[in-house]
């Protein structure tokens, strides 16, 4: 087994141990005092933490390329190329050299 698998098993066992040893009711104020089991509060906070961690940890979407089918000086179609962003610091001469 890999280290990642062992870590997941240990964390799952610890979470289960903590959740099932905290089953008594507790007073919670949600616009009025109510009795809620600690198991529900701890479980919902754990679930919320996993969801927030998943959202924060996923890779960012890459921008989709924008192709330009313009004509060159002789009226022939050039190869589609990526348009440069407006914030690009390359001069026209540098762009010609790269392509």
C-alpha atoms as a PDB file:
ATOM      1  CA  UNK A   1       0.000   0.000   0.000  1.00  0.00           C
ATOM      2  CA  UNK A   2       1.153   3.517  -0.727  1.00  0.00           C
ATOM      3  CA  UNK A   3       1.650   6.195   1.878  1.00  0.00           C
ATOM      4  CA  UNK A   4      -1.344   8.112   0.591  1.00  0.00           C
ATOM      5  CA  UNK A   5      -3.653   5.118   1.090  1.00  0.00           C
ATOM      6  CA  UNK A   6      -2.375   4.519   4.626  1.00  0.00           C
ATOM      7  CA  UNK A   7      -2.847   8.210   5.455  1.00  0.00           C
ATOM      8  CA  UNK A   8      -6.448   8.142   4.182  1.00  0.00           C
ATOM      9  CA  UNK A   9      -7.226   5.009   6.225  1.00  0.00           C
ATOM     10  CA  UNK A  10      -5.775   6.536   9.421  1.00  0.00           C
ATOM     11  CA  UNK A  11      -7.623   9.850   8.949  1.00  0.00           C
ATOM     12  CA  UNK A  12     -10.897   8.032   8.234  1.00  0.00           C
ATOM     13  CA  UNK A  13     -10.497   5.898  11.368  1.00  0.00           C
ATOM     14  CA  UNK A  14      -9.772   8.984  13.508  1.00  0.00           C
ATOM     15  CA  UNK A  15     -12.746  10.899  12.103  1.00  0.00           C
ATOM     16  CA  UNK A  16     -15.034   7.923  12.746  1.00  0.00           C
ATOM     17  CA  UNK A  17     -13.706   7.576  16.305  1.00  0.00           C
ATOM     18  CA  UNK A  18     -14.258  11.277  17.082  1.00  0.00           C
ATOM     19  CA  UNK A  19     -17.724  11.395  15.514  1.00  0.00           C
ATOM     20  CA  UNK A  20     -19.082   8.321  17.287  1.00  0.00           C
ATOM     21  CA  UNK A  21     -17.704   9.348  20.692  1.00  0.00           C
ATOM     22  CA  UNK A  22     -19.599  12.659  20.515  1.00  0.00           C
ATOM     23  CA  UNK A  23     -23.222  11.586  20.171  1.00  0.00           C
ATOM     24  CA  UNK A  24     -24.790  13.566  23.042  1.00  0.00           C
ATOM     25  CA  UNK A  25     -27.036  16.561  22.384  1.00  0.00           C
ATOM     26  CA  UNK A  26     -25.769  20.114  22.637  1.00  0.00           C
ATOM     27  CA  UNK A  27     -27.485  23.483  22.685  1.00  0.00           C
ATOM     28  CA  UNK A  28     -26.937  25.419  19.474  1.00  0.00           C
ATOM     29  CA  UNK A  29     -28.178  28.918  18.782  1.00  0.00           C
ATOM     30  CA  UNK A  30     -29.603  29.256  15.278  1.00  0.00           C
ATOM     31  CA  UNK A  31     -31.964  32.221  15.710  1.00  0.00           C
ATOM     32  CA  UNK A  32     -33.183  30.431  18.792  1.00  0.00           C
ATOM     33  CA  UNK A  33     -31.735  27.748  21.038  1.00  0.00           C
ATOM     34  CA  UNK A  34     -32.220  24.181  19.827  1.00  0.00           C
ATOM     35  CA  UNK A  35     -30.765  20.821  20.787  1.00  0.00           C
ATOM     36  CA  UNK A  36     -28.730  19.217  18.037  1.00  0.00           C
ATOM     37  CA  UNK A  37     -26.545  16.098  18.313  1.00  0.00           C
ATOM     38  CA  UNK A  38     -22.811  16.806  18.294  1.00  0.00           C
ATOM     39  CA  UNK A  39     -22.508  14.083  15.680  1.00  0.00           C
ATOM     40  CA  UNK A  40     -24.594  16.151  13.238  1.00  0.00           C
ATOM     41  CA  UNK A  41     -22.662  19.354  13.930  1.00  0.00           C
ATOM     42  CA  UNK A  42     -19.225  17.741  13.641  1.00  0.00           C
ATOM     43  CA  UNK A  43     -20.252  15.720  10.578  1.00  0.00           C
ATOM     44  CA  UNK A  44     -21.665  18.710   8.754  1.00  0.00           C
ATOM     45  CA  UNK A  45     -18.557  20.787   9.522  1.00  0.00           C
ATOM     46  CA  UNK A  46     -16.350  17.956   8.260  1.00  0.00           C
ATOM     47  CA  UNK A  47     -18.410  17.687   5.065  1.00  0.00           C
ATOM     48  CA  UNK A  48     -18.324  21.447   4.548  1.00  0.00           C
ATOM     49  CA  UNK A  49     -14.547  21.405   5.012  1.00  0.00           C
ATOM     50  CA  UNK A  50     -14.129  18.657   2.413  1.00  0.00           C
ATOM     51  CA  UNK A  51     -16.296  20.533  -0.093  1.00  0.00           C
ATOM     52  CA  UNK A  52     -14.427  23.801   0.450  1.00  0.00           C
ATOM     53  CA  UNK A  53     -11.076  22.013   0.176  1.00  0.00           C
ATOM     54  CA  UNK A  54     -12.141  20.354  -3.062  1.00  0.00           C
ATOM     55  CA  UNK A  55     -13.274  23.650  -4.572  1.00  0.00           C
ATOM     56  CA  UNK A  56     -10.135  25.487  -3.457  1.00  0.00           C
ATOM     57  CA  UNK A  57      -7.770  22.723  -4.559  1.00  0.00           C
ATOM     58  CA  UNK A  58      -9.009  21.940  -8.039  1.00  0.00           C
ATOM     59  CA  UNK A  59      -6.950  23.231 -10.962  1.00  0.00           C
ATOM     60  CA  UNK A  60      -7.979  26.448 -12.629  1.00  0.00           C
ATOM     61  CA  UNK A  61      -9.555  26.304 -16.056  1.00  0.00           C
ATOM     62  CA  UNK A  62      -7.242  27.144 -18.899  1.00  0.00           C
ATOM     63  CA  UNK A  63      -8.348  29.823 -21.313  1.00  0.00           C
ATOM     64  CA  UNK A  64      -9.549  28.413 -24.593  1.00  0.00           C
ATOM     65  CA  UNK A  65      -7.422  29.465 -27.572  1.00  0.00           C
ATOM     66  CA  UNK A  66      -8.908  31.996 -29.956  1.00  0.00           C
ATOM     67  CA  UNK A  67      -8.002  31.342 -33.578  1.00  0.00           C
ATOM     68  CA  UNK A  68      -7.750  34.037 -36.223  1.00  0.00           C
ATOM     69  CA  UNK A  69      -8.126  33.095 -39.902  1.00  0.00           C
ATOM     70  CA  UNK A  70      -6.861  36.334 -41.420  1.00  0.00           C
ATOM     71  CA  UNK A  71      -5.254  36.799 -44.811  1.00  0.00           C
ATOM     72  CA  UNK A  72      -1.611  37.646 -45.378  1.00  0.00           C
ATOM     73  CA  UNK A  73      -0.334  40.299 -47.816  1.00  0.00           C
ATOM     74  CA  UNK A  74      -0.811  38.080 -50.864  1.00  0.00           C
ATOM     75  CA  UNK A  75      -4.426  37.289 -50.037  1.00  0.00           C
ATOM     76  CA  UNK A  76      -3.732  33.734 -48.916  1.00  0.00           C
ATOM     77  CA  UNK A  77      -4.969  32.256 -45.695  1.00  0.00           C
ATOM     78  CA  UNK A  78      -2.309  32.078 -43.035  1.00  0.00           C
ATOM     79  CA  UNK A  79      -2.148  29.207 -40.559  1.00  0.00           C
ATOM     80  CA  UNK A  80      -4.548  29.808 -37.680  1.00  0.00           C
ATOM     81  CA  UNK A  81      -2.578  31.258 -34.815  1.00  0.00           C
ATOM     82  CA  UNK A  82      -3.362  32.326 -31.308  1.00  0.00           C
ATOM     83  CA  UNK A  83      -4.249  35.957 -30.872  1.00  0.00           C
ATOM     84  CA  UNK A  84      -1.981  37.740 -28.447  1.00  0.00           C
ATOM     85  CA  UNK A  85      -3.538  39.161 -25.334  1.00  0.00           C
ATOM     86  CA  UNK A  86      -3.875  42.920 -25.129  1.00  0.00           C
ATOM     87  CA  UNK A  87      -1.563  42.876 -22.122  1.00  0.00           C
ATOM     88  CA  UNK A  88       1.220  41.225 -24.135  1.00  0.00           C
ATOM     89  CA  UNK A  89       4.573  42.980 -23.885  1.00  0.00           C
ATOM     90  CA  UNK A  90       5.932  41.589 -27.147  1.00  0.00           C
ATOM     91  CA  UNK A  91       6.548  43.935 -30.023  1.00  0.00           C
ATOM     92  CA  UNK A  92       5.396  43.120 -33.555  1.00  0.00           C
ATOM     93  CA  UNK A  93       8.992  42.335 -34.475  1.00  0.00           C
ATOM     94  CA  UNK A  94       9.261  39.808 -31.619  1.00  0.00           C
ATOM     95  CA  UNK A  95       5.986  38.148 -32.621  1.00  0.00           C
ATOM     96  CA  UNK A  96       7.232  37.838 -36.233  1.00  0.00           C
ATOM     97  CA  UNK A  97      10.476  36.266 -35.004  1.00  0.00           C
ATOM     98  CA  UNK A  98       8.661  33.715 -32.816  1.00  0.00           C
ATOM     99  CA  UNK A  99       6.222  32.624 -35.530  1.00  0.00           C
END
